[in-house]
């Protein structure tokens, strides 16, 4: 469970939050500036007690902050995109749900509200961004890139690439070569 703590701006604030969590026997995974990841779901009563305790130190608890949840979903999607290198990809919705500690349907609803697109669409966009990087940086063929990114075929990769960028991967790669040639001619 993700909690956002307003006005938490220093290491001292992190220590205060940790102290109050320990006093209330609320287990947590980590505490960052402005953010606390609880190890398990906590009752509303305990959260209210935590909020009251933190307000004594001019800190304010925000429960279930939608933008915080969206940020965590984005991080999980990027992790998923970069953990696939020709290996079997874990179940998409289960992976996201496990990383963010919320039910996938709830995450999907929040993400769509905040971003105006589905998690799946965001995932496709991130995959294509990685493909673009691979096309620019690596000497890999489209076939090798499709394999690394777990596309069923080069045609599937090409179709998705064109839908997202408006360009074919081959044309995109040729732009790289033209750009390189132009820089060398300067």
N, C-alpha and C. Protein backbone atom coordinates (compact mmCIF):
# COMPACT_ATOMS: atom_id res chain seq x y z
N UNK A 1 0.85 -1.17 0.00
CA UNK A 1 0.00 0.00 0.00
C UNK A 1 0.90 1.24 0.00
N UNK A 2 0.61 2.15 -0.90
CA UNK A 2 1.41 3.34 -1.05
C UNK A 2 0.77 4.51 -0.32
N UNK A 3 1.57 5.20 0.49
CA UNK A 3 1.12 6.41 1.18
C UNK A 3 1.99 7.57 0.73
N UNK A 4 1.37 8.70 0.52
CA UNK A 4 2.11 9.90 0.19
C UNK A 4 2.08 10.79 1.43
N UNK A 5 3.26 11.28 1.83
CA UNK A 5 3.36 12.13 3.01
C UNK A 5 3.77 13.53 2.54
N UNK A 6 2.84 14.45 2.66
CA UNK A 6 3.13 15.84 2.27
C UNK A 6 4.09 16.48 3.26
N UNK A 7 4.91 17.35 2.74
CA UNK A 7 5.86 18.15 3.53
C UNK A 7 7.02 17.32 4.09
N UNK A 8 7.21 16.11 3.65
CA UNK A 8 8.34 15.28 4.10
C UNK A 8 9.52 15.61 3.18
N UNK A 9 10.44 16.44 3.68
CA UNK A 9 11.49 16.98 2.82
C UNK A 9 12.91 16.73 3.32
N UNK A 10 13.06 15.97 4.37
CA UNK A 10 14.42 15.78 4.90
C UNK A 10 14.57 14.39 5.49
N UNK A 11 15.81 14.07 5.79
CA UNK A 11 16.10 12.78 6.44
C UNK A 11 15.46 12.74 7.82
N UNK A 12 15.43 13.86 8.48
CA UNK A 12 14.79 13.93 9.81
C UNK A 12 13.31 13.57 9.70
N UNK A 13 12.63 14.07 8.67
CA UNK A 13 11.22 13.72 8.45
C UNK A 13 11.05 12.21 8.24
N UNK A 14 11.99 11.62 7.49
CA UNK A 14 11.93 10.17 7.26
C UNK A 14 12.05 9.42 8.58
N UNK A 15 12.93 9.91 9.46
CA UNK A 15 13.11 9.28 10.77
C UNK A 15 11.84 9.39 11.61
N UNK A 16 11.19 10.53 11.55
CA UNK A 16 9.94 10.74 12.31
C UNK A 16 8.87 9.79 11.81
N UNK A 17 8.74 9.68 10.49
CA UNK A 17 7.73 8.78 9.91
C UNK A 17 8.01 7.34 10.32
N UNK A 18 9.27 6.93 10.24
CA UNK A 18 9.64 5.56 10.64
C UNK A 18 9.31 5.32 12.11
N UNK A 19 9.62 6.27 12.94
CA UNK A 19 9.35 6.17 14.37
C UNK A 19 7.85 6.00 14.63
N UNK A 20 7.03 6.82 13.97
CA UNK A 20 5.58 6.75 14.17
C UNK A 20 5.00 5.44 13.63
N UNK A 21 5.52 4.97 12.51
CA UNK A 21 5.08 3.68 11.97
C UNK A 21 5.40 2.56 12.95
N UNK A 22 6.59 2.60 13.52
CA UNK A 22 7.00 1.57 14.49
C UNK A 22 6.15 1.63 15.75
N UNK A 23 5.84 2.83 16.23
CA UNK A 23 4.99 2.97 17.42
C UNK A 23 3.63 2.33 17.21
N UNK A 24 3.11 2.43 15.98
CA UNK A 24 1.78 1.88 15.68
C UNK A 24 1.85 0.44 15.15
N UNK A 25 3.04 -0.13 15.16
CA UNK A 25 3.25 -1.50 14.65
C UNK A 25 2.74 -1.66 13.22
N UNK A 26 3.05 -0.69 12.38
CA UNK A 26 2.68 -0.75 10.97
C UNK A 26 3.94 -1.11 10.19
N UNK A 27 3.99 -2.32 9.63
CA UNK A 27 5.18 -2.73 8.88
C UNK A 27 5.26 -1.99 7.53
N UNK A 28 6.48 -1.64 7.14
CA UNK A 28 6.66 -0.94 5.88
C UNK A 28 7.83 -1.52 5.11
N UNK A 29 7.80 -1.34 3.79
CA UNK A 29 8.88 -1.82 2.93
C UNK A 29 9.99 -0.78 2.83
N UNK A 30 9.60 0.48 2.58
CA UNK A 30 10.59 1.54 2.48
C UNK A 30 9.95 2.90 2.77
N UNK A 31 10.82 3.84 3.07
CA UNK A 31 10.41 5.22 3.26
C UNK A 31 11.33 6.08 2.41
N UNK A 32 10.74 6.83 1.50
CA UNK A 32 11.47 7.78 0.67
C UNK A 32 10.92 9.16 0.99
N UNK A 33 11.57 10.19 0.53
CA UNK A 33 11.05 11.53 0.73
C UNK A 33 9.68 11.64 0.06
N UNK A 34 8.67 11.90 0.87
CA UNK A 34 7.32 12.07 0.35
C UNK A 34 6.53 10.80 0.12
N UNK A 35 7.11 9.65 0.43
CA UNK A 35 6.46 8.39 0.05
C UNK A 35 6.80 7.27 1.04
N UNK A 36 5.79 6.47 1.36
CA UNK A 36 5.98 5.30 2.22
C UNK A 36 5.26 4.12 1.57
N UNK A 37 5.96 3.03 1.42
CA UNK A 37 5.35 1.80 0.91
C UNK A 37 5.15 0.87 2.09
N UNK A 38 3.88 0.62 2.43
CA UNK A 38 3.56 -0.27 3.53
C UNK A 38 3.69 -1.72 3.06
N UNK A 39 4.03 -2.60 3.98
CA UNK A 39 4.20 -4.01 3.66
C UNK A 39 2.87 -4.73 3.48
N UNK A 40 1.83 -4.18 4.06
CA UNK A 40 0.51 -4.81 3.96
C UNK A 40 -0.57 -3.75 4.10
N UNK A 41 -1.78 -4.13 3.76
CA UNK A 41 -2.91 -3.22 3.90
C UNK A 41 -3.16 -2.96 5.39
N UNK A 42 -3.47 -1.71 5.70
CA UNK A 42 -3.65 -1.29 7.09
C UNK A 42 -5.06 -0.72 7.23
N UNK A 43 -5.65 -0.92 8.39
CA UNK A 43 -7.01 -0.44 8.63
C UNK A 43 -7.06 1.09 8.56
N UNK A 44 -8.25 1.58 8.22
CA UNK A 44 -8.45 3.03 8.16
C UNK A 44 -8.21 3.68 9.53
N UNK A 45 -8.55 2.95 10.58
CA UNK A 45 -8.36 3.45 11.95
C UNK A 45 -6.88 3.71 12.23
N UNK A 46 -6.03 2.74 11.85
CA UNK A 46 -4.58 2.90 12.07
C UNK A 46 -4.02 4.02 11.21
N UNK A 47 -4.52 4.13 9.99
CA UNK A 47 -4.06 5.21 9.12
C UNK A 47 -4.43 6.56 9.69
N UNK A 48 -5.61 6.65 10.29
CA UNK A 48 -6.04 7.90 10.91
C UNK A 48 -5.15 8.24 12.10
N UNK A 49 -4.78 7.19 12.87
CA UNK A 49 -3.88 7.40 14.01
C UNK A 49 -2.51 7.88 13.53
N UNK A 50 -2.03 7.30 12.44
CA UNK A 50 -0.75 7.70 11.87
C UNK A 50 -0.82 9.15 11.39
N UNK A 51 -1.90 9.49 10.71
CA UNK A 51 -2.08 10.85 10.22
C UNK A 51 -2.07 11.85 11.37
N UNK A 52 -2.78 11.53 12.43
CA UNK A 52 -2.83 12.41 13.61
C UNK A 52 -1.44 12.59 14.21
N UNK A 53 -0.69 11.49 14.33
CA UNK A 53 0.66 11.56 14.89
C UNK A 53 1.58 12.40 14.01
N UNK A 54 1.47 12.24 12.69
CA UNK A 54 2.34 12.97 11.78
C UNK A 54 2.02 14.47 11.75
N UNK A 55 0.76 14.80 11.94
CA UNK A 55 0.37 16.22 11.91
C UNK A 55 1.00 17.00 13.06
N UNK A 56 1.37 16.33 14.15
CA UNK A 56 2.06 17.00 15.25
C UNK A 56 3.41 17.54 14.79
N UNK A 57 3.96 16.92 13.73
CA UNK A 57 5.26 17.32 13.19
C UNK A 57 5.11 18.12 11.89
N UNK A 58 3.90 18.61 11.64
CA UNK A 58 3.61 19.39 10.43
C UNK A 58 3.74 18.58 9.15
N UNK A 59 3.48 17.28 9.25
CA UNK A 59 3.44 16.39 8.09
C UNK A 59 1.99 16.01 7.84
N UNK A 60 1.64 15.73 6.62
CA UNK A 60 0.25 15.37 6.29
C UNK A 60 0.23 14.10 5.46
N UNK A 61 -0.63 13.18 5.83
CA UNK A 61 -0.74 11.90 5.16
C UNK A 61 -1.78 11.98 4.05
N UNK A 62 -1.41 11.52 2.88
CA UNK A 62 -2.36 11.40 1.77
C UNK A 62 -2.48 9.93 1.43
N UNK A 63 -3.65 9.38 1.56
CA UNK A 63 -3.87 7.95 1.35
C UNK A 63 -4.33 7.70 -0.07
N UNK A 64 -3.75 6.68 -0.71
CA UNK A 64 -4.14 6.26 -2.06
C UNK A 64 -4.03 7.40 -3.08
N UNK A 65 -2.95 8.11 -3.06
CA UNK A 65 -2.73 9.19 -4.00
C UNK A 65 -2.68 8.61 -5.41
N UNK A 66 -3.59 9.05 -6.26
CA UNK A 66 -3.71 8.49 -7.61
C UNK A 66 -2.48 8.75 -8.46
N UNK A 67 -1.88 9.92 -8.33
CA UNK A 67 -0.70 10.19 -9.15
C UNK A 67 0.48 9.33 -8.68
N UNK A 68 0.55 9.06 -7.39
CA UNK A 68 1.59 8.16 -6.87
C UNK A 68 1.43 6.75 -7.38
N UNK A 69 0.19 6.30 -7.43
CA UNK A 69 -0.09 4.96 -7.94
C UNK A 69 0.26 4.90 -9.43
N UNK A 70 -0.12 5.93 -10.18
CA UNK A 70 0.19 5.97 -11.61
C UNK A 70 1.70 5.94 -11.83
N UNK A 71 2.43 6.67 -11.01
CA UNK A 71 3.89 6.68 -11.12
C UNK A 71 4.46 5.28 -10.90
N UNK A 72 3.94 4.57 -9.91
CA UNK A 72 4.40 3.21 -9.62
C UNK A 72 4.08 2.26 -10.77
N UNK A 73 2.90 2.43 -11.39
CA UNK A 73 2.53 1.60 -12.54
C UNK A 73 3.50 1.84 -13.69
N UNK A 74 3.82 3.10 -13.95
CA UNK A 74 4.76 3.43 -15.02
C UNK A 74 6.12 2.79 -14.76
N UNK A 75 6.58 2.86 -13.53
CA UNK A 75 7.87 2.25 -13.18
C UNK A 75 7.83 0.73 -13.40
N UNK A 76 6.72 0.12 -13.03
CA UNK A 76 6.57 -1.33 -13.21
C UNK A 76 6.57 -1.69 -14.69
N UNK A 77 5.90 -0.89 -15.50
CA UNK A 77 5.86 -1.14 -16.95
C UNK A 77 7.27 -1.04 -17.53
N UNK A 78 8.00 -0.02 -17.15
CA UNK A 78 9.37 0.14 -17.66
C UNK A 78 10.23 -1.04 -17.20
N UNK A 79 10.07 -1.47 -15.95
CA UNK A 79 10.80 -2.66 -15.48
C UNK A 79 10.48 -3.87 -16.35
N UNK A 80 9.21 -4.03 -16.68
CA UNK A 80 8.80 -5.17 -17.50
C UNK A 80 9.39 -5.08 -18.90
N UNK A 81 9.39 -3.90 -19.47
CA UNK A 81 9.94 -3.72 -20.82
C UNK A 81 11.43 -4.06 -20.83
N UNK A 82 12.14 -3.67 -19.80
CA UNK A 82 13.59 -3.89 -19.78
C UNK A 82 14.00 -5.23 -19.19
N UNK A 83 13.05 -6.00 -18.66
CA UNK A 83 13.43 -7.33 -18.15
C UNK A 83 13.28 -8.39 -19.23
N UNK A 84 12.81 -8.02 -20.41
CA UNK A 84 12.64 -8.98 -21.50
C UNK A 84 13.77 -8.86 -22.49
N UNK A 85 14.59 -9.85 -22.55
CA UNK A 85 15.65 -9.92 -23.55
C UNK A 85 15.66 -11.33 -24.12
N UNK A 86 14.61 -11.66 -24.84
CA UNK A 86 14.52 -12.99 -25.42
C UNK A 86 14.12 -14.05 -24.41
N UNK A 87 13.76 -13.63 -23.22
CA UNK A 87 13.32 -14.56 -22.20
C UNK A 87 11.80 -14.57 -22.17
N UNK A 88 11.23 -15.50 -21.44
CA UNK A 88 9.77 -15.49 -21.31
C UNK A 88 9.36 -14.30 -20.46
N UNK A 89 8.38 -13.57 -20.95
CA UNK A 89 7.88 -12.43 -20.20
C UNK A 89 6.88 -12.93 -19.17
N UNK A 90 6.94 -12.40 -17.95
CA UNK A 90 5.94 -12.78 -16.95
C UNK A 90 4.56 -12.29 -17.35
N UNK A 91 3.53 -12.83 -16.73
CA UNK A 91 2.17 -12.40 -16.98
C UNK A 91 2.07 -10.90 -16.71
N UNK A 92 1.62 -10.16 -17.72
CA UNK A 92 1.60 -8.69 -17.68
C UNK A 92 0.84 -8.15 -16.48
N UNK A 93 -0.43 -8.50 -16.37
CA UNK A 93 -1.26 -7.93 -15.30
C UNK A 93 -0.80 -8.38 -13.91
N UNK A 94 -0.35 -9.62 -13.81
CA UNK A 94 0.14 -10.12 -12.52
C UNK A 94 1.42 -9.40 -12.11
N UNK A 95 2.31 -9.19 -13.07
CA UNK A 95 3.57 -8.49 -12.81
C UNK A 95 3.30 -7.09 -12.28
N UNK A 96 2.42 -6.35 -12.96
CA UNK A 96 2.11 -4.97 -12.57
C UNK A 96 1.46 -4.97 -11.19
N UNK A 97 0.50 -5.85 -11.00
CA UNK A 97 -0.22 -5.95 -9.73
C UNK A 97 0.73 -6.27 -8.57
N UNK A 98 1.63 -7.21 -8.79
CA UNK A 98 2.59 -7.59 -7.75
C UNK A 98 3.55 -6.44 -7.42
N UNK A 99 4.00 -5.73 -8.44
CA UNK A 99 4.94 -4.63 -8.23
C UNK A 99 4.33 -3.46 -7.46
N UNK A 100 3.05 -3.18 -7.74
CA UNK A 100 2.42 -1.99 -7.17
C UNK A 100 1.58 -2.31 -5.93
N UNK A 101 1.32 -3.59 -5.71
CA UNK A 101 0.56 -4.05 -4.53
C UNK A 101 -0.91 -3.64 -4.53
N UNK A 102 -1.51 -3.63 -5.70
CA UNK A 102 -2.94 -3.37 -5.83
C UNK A 102 -3.51 -4.32 -6.87
N UNK A 103 -4.81 -4.52 -6.82
CA UNK A 103 -5.50 -5.32 -7.81
C UNK A 103 -5.35 -4.66 -9.18
N UNK A 104 -5.12 -5.47 -10.22
CA UNK A 104 -4.86 -4.92 -11.55
C UNK A 104 -6.05 -4.11 -12.08
N UNK A 105 -7.26 -4.55 -11.84
CA UNK A 105 -8.44 -3.82 -12.33
C UNK A 105 -8.50 -2.41 -11.72
N UNK A 106 -8.17 -2.31 -10.45
CA UNK A 106 -8.14 -1.01 -9.77
C UNK A 106 -7.04 -0.14 -10.38
N UNK A 107 -5.86 -0.72 -10.58
CA UNK A 107 -4.75 0.02 -11.17
C UNK A 107 -5.09 0.50 -12.58
N UNK A 108 -5.74 -0.35 -13.34
CA UNK A 108 -6.11 -0.01 -14.70
C UNK A 108 -7.07 1.18 -14.73
N UNK A 109 -8.03 1.17 -13.82
CA UNK A 109 -9.01 2.26 -13.73
C UNK A 109 -8.31 3.57 -13.37
N UNK A 110 -7.47 3.54 -12.34
CA UNK A 110 -6.76 4.73 -11.88
C UNK A 110 -5.85 5.26 -12.99
N UNK A 111 -5.10 4.36 -13.61
CA UNK A 111 -4.15 4.75 -14.66
C UNK A 111 -4.89 5.42 -15.82
N UNK A 112 -5.98 4.83 -16.25
CA UNK A 112 -6.75 5.40 -17.37
C UNK A 112 -7.30 6.77 -17.02
N UNK A 113 -7.77 6.93 -15.79
CA UNK A 113 -8.28 8.23 -15.34
C UNK A 113 -7.18 9.29 -15.37
N UNK A 114 -6.00 8.92 -14.89
CA UNK A 114 -4.90 9.87 -14.76
C UNK A 114 -4.21 10.17 -16.09
N UNK A 115 -4.06 9.16 -16.94
CA UNK A 115 -3.25 9.29 -18.15
C UNK A 115 -4.07 9.42 -19.43
N UNK A 116 -5.33 9.04 -19.40
CA UNK A 116 -6.15 9.11 -20.61
C UNK A 116 -5.85 8.00 -21.60
N UNK A 117 -5.18 6.96 -21.13
CA UNK A 117 -4.90 5.78 -21.97
C UNK A 117 -4.75 4.58 -21.05
N UNK A 118 -4.82 3.40 -21.64
CA UNK A 118 -4.73 2.18 -20.85
C UNK A 118 -3.28 1.85 -20.50
N UNK A 119 -3.11 0.99 -19.52
CA UNK A 119 -1.77 0.52 -19.16
C UNK A 119 -1.17 -0.23 -20.35
N UNK A 120 -1.99 -1.00 -21.04
CA UNK A 120 -1.52 -1.77 -22.19
C UNK A 120 -0.97 -0.85 -23.28
N UNK A 121 -1.68 0.25 -23.55
CA UNK A 121 -1.21 1.21 -24.56
C UNK A 121 0.11 1.84 -24.12
N UNK A 122 0.22 2.17 -22.84
CA UNK A 122 1.47 2.71 -22.31
C UNK A 122 2.60 1.70 -22.45
N UNK A 123 2.30 0.42 -22.20
CA UNK A 123 3.27 -0.66 -22.34
C UNK A 123 3.78 -0.75 -23.79
N UNK A 124 2.86 -0.68 -24.73
CA UNK A 124 3.24 -0.73 -26.15
C UNK A 124 4.13 0.46 -26.49
N UNK A 125 3.77 1.64 -26.02
CA UNK A 125 4.58 2.83 -26.28
C UNK A 125 5.99 2.67 -25.71
N UNK A 126 6.11 2.10 -24.52
CA UNK A 126 7.42 1.90 -23.91
C UNK A 126 8.24 0.85 -24.66
N UNK A 127 7.56 -0.19 -25.13
CA UNK A 127 8.27 -1.20 -25.94
C UNK A 127 8.83 -0.56 -27.20
N UNK A 128 8.02 0.26 -27.85
CA UNK A 128 8.46 0.91 -29.09
C UNK A 128 9.60 1.88 -28.80
N UNK A 129 9.56 2.58 -27.67
CA UNK A 129 10.68 3.45 -27.29
C UNK A 129 11.97 2.64 -27.15
N UNK A 130 11.85 1.47 -26.56
CA UNK A 130 13.05 0.62 -26.43
C UNK A 130 13.51 0.13 -27.80
N UNK A 131 12.58 -0.21 -28.68
CA UNK A 131 12.94 -0.63 -30.03
C UNK A 131 13.66 0.50 -30.75
N UNK A 132 13.18 1.74 -30.59
CA UNK A 132 13.83 2.89 -31.22
C UNK A 132 15.28 3.02 -30.74
N UNK A 133 15.47 2.86 -29.45
CA UNK A 133 16.83 2.92 -28.90
C UNK A 133 17.69 1.81 -29.49
N UNK A 134 17.11 0.63 -29.58
CA UNK A 134 17.86 -0.50 -30.14
C UNK A 134 18.20 -0.25 -31.61
N UNK A 135 17.29 0.34 -32.34
CA UNK A 135 17.56 0.63 -33.75
C UNK A 135 18.68 1.66 -33.89
N UNK A 136 18.73 2.62 -32.99
CA UNK A 136 19.75 3.66 -33.04
C UNK A 136 21.10 3.17 -32.52
N UNK A 137 21.09 2.43 -31.43
CA UNK A 137 22.34 2.11 -30.76
C UNK A 137 22.96 0.79 -31.17
N UNK A 138 22.16 -0.16 -31.55
CA UNK A 138 22.69 -1.50 -31.82
C UNK A 138 22.73 -1.78 -33.31
N UNK A 139 23.54 -2.71 -33.66
CA UNK A 139 23.60 -3.13 -35.05
C UNK A 139 22.73 -4.38 -35.25
N UNK A 140 21.76 -4.55 -34.40
CA UNK A 140 20.88 -5.71 -34.47
C UNK A 140 19.90 -5.57 -35.63
N UNK A 141 19.54 -6.69 -36.20
CA UNK A 141 18.54 -6.70 -37.27
C UNK A 141 17.15 -6.60 -36.64
N UNK A 142 16.17 -6.30 -37.47
CA UNK A 142 14.78 -6.27 -36.98
C UNK A 142 14.38 -7.63 -36.43
N UNK A 143 14.85 -8.67 -37.07
CA UNK A 143 14.54 -10.03 -36.61
C UNK A 143 15.08 -10.26 -35.19
N UNK A 144 16.32 -9.82 -34.95
CA UNK A 144 16.92 -9.96 -33.62
C UNK A 144 16.20 -9.10 -32.59
N UNK A 145 15.83 -7.89 -32.99
CA UNK A 145 15.11 -7.00 -32.08
C UNK A 145 13.74 -7.58 -31.75
N UNK A 146 13.05 -8.09 -32.76
CA UNK A 146 11.73 -8.70 -32.53
C UNK A 146 11.85 -9.87 -31.55
N UNK A 147 12.90 -10.67 -31.70
CA UNK A 147 13.13 -11.79 -30.78
C UNK A 147 13.41 -11.31 -29.37
N UNK A 148 14.32 -10.33 -29.24
CA UNK A 148 14.67 -9.80 -27.92
C UNK A 148 13.47 -9.19 -27.20
N UNK A 149 12.60 -8.53 -27.97
CA UNK A 149 11.46 -7.83 -27.38
C UNK A 149 10.21 -8.71 -27.30
N UNK A 150 10.37 -9.99 -27.63
CA UNK A 150 9.31 -10.99 -27.53
C UNK A 150 8.09 -10.70 -28.42
N UNK A 151 8.35 -10.13 -29.60
CA UNK A 151 7.28 -10.00 -30.59
C UNK A 151 7.12 -11.35 -31.29
N UNK A 152 5.92 -11.67 -31.69
CA UNK A 152 5.67 -12.95 -32.34
C UNK A 152 6.32 -13.02 -33.72
N UNK A 153 6.52 -11.85 -34.35
CA UNK A 153 7.15 -11.81 -35.67
C UNK A 153 7.65 -10.39 -35.95
N UNK A 154 8.46 -10.28 -37.00
CA UNK A 154 8.93 -8.97 -37.42
C UNK A 154 7.75 -8.15 -37.92
N UNK A 155 6.79 -8.81 -38.55
CA UNK A 155 5.59 -8.10 -39.06
C UNK A 155 4.81 -7.48 -37.90
N UNK A 156 4.69 -8.22 -36.81
CA UNK A 156 3.98 -7.70 -35.63
C UNK A 156 4.71 -6.48 -35.08
N UNK A 157 6.02 -6.57 -34.94
CA UNK A 157 6.83 -5.44 -34.49
C UNK A 157 6.66 -4.26 -35.43
N UNK A 158 6.76 -4.49 -36.73
CA UNK A 158 6.65 -3.42 -37.71
C UNK A 158 5.29 -2.74 -37.66
N UNK A 159 4.22 -3.52 -37.53
CA UNK A 159 2.88 -2.95 -37.45
C UNK A 159 2.71 -2.07 -36.22
N UNK A 160 3.17 -2.57 -35.07
CA UNK A 160 3.07 -1.77 -33.84
C UNK A 160 3.93 -0.52 -33.93
N UNK A 161 5.12 -0.66 -34.47
CA UNK A 161 6.04 0.47 -34.61
C UNK A 161 5.39 1.55 -35.46
N UNK A 162 4.80 1.15 -36.58
CA UNK A 162 4.20 2.13 -37.49
C UNK A 162 2.97 2.78 -36.86
N UNK A 163 2.18 2.01 -36.09
CA UNK A 163 1.01 2.57 -35.41
C UNK A 163 1.42 3.66 -34.42
N UNK A 164 2.50 3.43 -33.71
CA UNK A 164 2.93 4.37 -32.66
C UNK A 164 3.70 5.55 -33.23
N UNK A 165 4.60 5.31 -34.19
CA UNK A 165 5.48 6.38 -34.67
C UNK A 165 5.05 6.98 -36.01
N UNK A 166 4.26 6.23 -36.77
CA UNK A 166 3.89 6.68 -38.11
C UNK A 166 4.94 6.34 -39.15
N UNK A 167 6.02 5.68 -38.72
CA UNK A 167 7.11 5.31 -39.61
C UNK A 167 7.35 3.80 -39.52
N UNK A 168 7.88 3.24 -40.59
CA UNK A 168 8.29 1.83 -40.51
C UNK A 168 9.64 1.77 -39.80
N UNK A 169 9.95 0.65 -39.17
CA UNK A 169 11.26 0.54 -38.50
C UNK A 169 12.43 0.72 -39.48
N UNK A 170 12.27 0.22 -40.69
CA UNK A 170 13.34 0.35 -41.69
C UNK A 170 13.57 1.82 -42.04
N UNK A 171 12.49 2.57 -42.24
CA UNK A 171 12.62 3.99 -42.56
C UNK A 171 13.23 4.74 -41.38
N UNK A 172 12.79 4.39 -40.18
CA UNK A 172 13.32 5.01 -38.97
C UNK A 172 14.83 4.78 -38.88
N UNK A 173 15.25 3.56 -39.16
CA UNK A 173 16.67 3.21 -39.11
C UNK A 173 17.45 3.97 -40.20
N UNK A 174 16.82 4.15 -41.37
CA UNK A 174 17.50 4.89 -42.45
C UNK A 174 17.67 6.36 -42.07
N UNK A 175 16.73 6.91 -41.29
CA UNK A 175 16.88 8.28 -40.80
C UNK A 175 18.14 8.42 -39.97
N UNK A 176 18.43 7.39 -39.19
CA UNK A 176 19.63 7.39 -38.36
C UNK A 176 20.87 7.50 -39.25
N UNK A 177 20.88 6.73 -40.33
CA UNK A 177 22.02 6.74 -41.23
C UNK A 177 22.16 8.09 -41.93
N UNK A 178 21.04 8.66 -42.36
CA UNK A 178 21.07 9.98 -43.01
C UNK A 178 21.59 11.04 -42.05
N UNK A 179 21.13 10.97 -40.81
CA UNK A 179 21.57 11.93 -39.79
C UNK A 179 23.08 11.80 -39.55
N UNK A 180 23.55 10.56 -39.48
CA UNK A 180 24.97 10.31 -39.27
C UNK A 180 25.78 10.85 -40.44
N UNK A 181 25.30 10.60 -41.66
CA UNK A 181 25.99 11.09 -42.86
C UNK A 181 26.04 12.62 -42.86
N UNK A 182 24.94 13.27 -42.51
CA UNK A 182 24.88 14.74 -42.49
C UNK A 182 25.87 15.31 -41.47
N UNK A 183 25.98 14.65 -40.31
CA UNK A 183 26.93 15.12 -39.30
C UNK A 183 28.38 14.96 -39.77
N UNK A 184 28.65 13.88 -40.49
CA UNK A 184 30.01 13.66 -40.98
C UNK A 184 30.38 14.66 -42.07
N UNK A 185 29.39 15.15 -42.82
CA UNK A 185 29.66 16.09 -43.90
C UNK A 185 29.81 17.52 -43.44
N UNK A 186 29.57 17.79 -42.16
CA UNK A 186 29.70 19.15 -41.63
C UNK A 186 31.12 19.58 -41.49
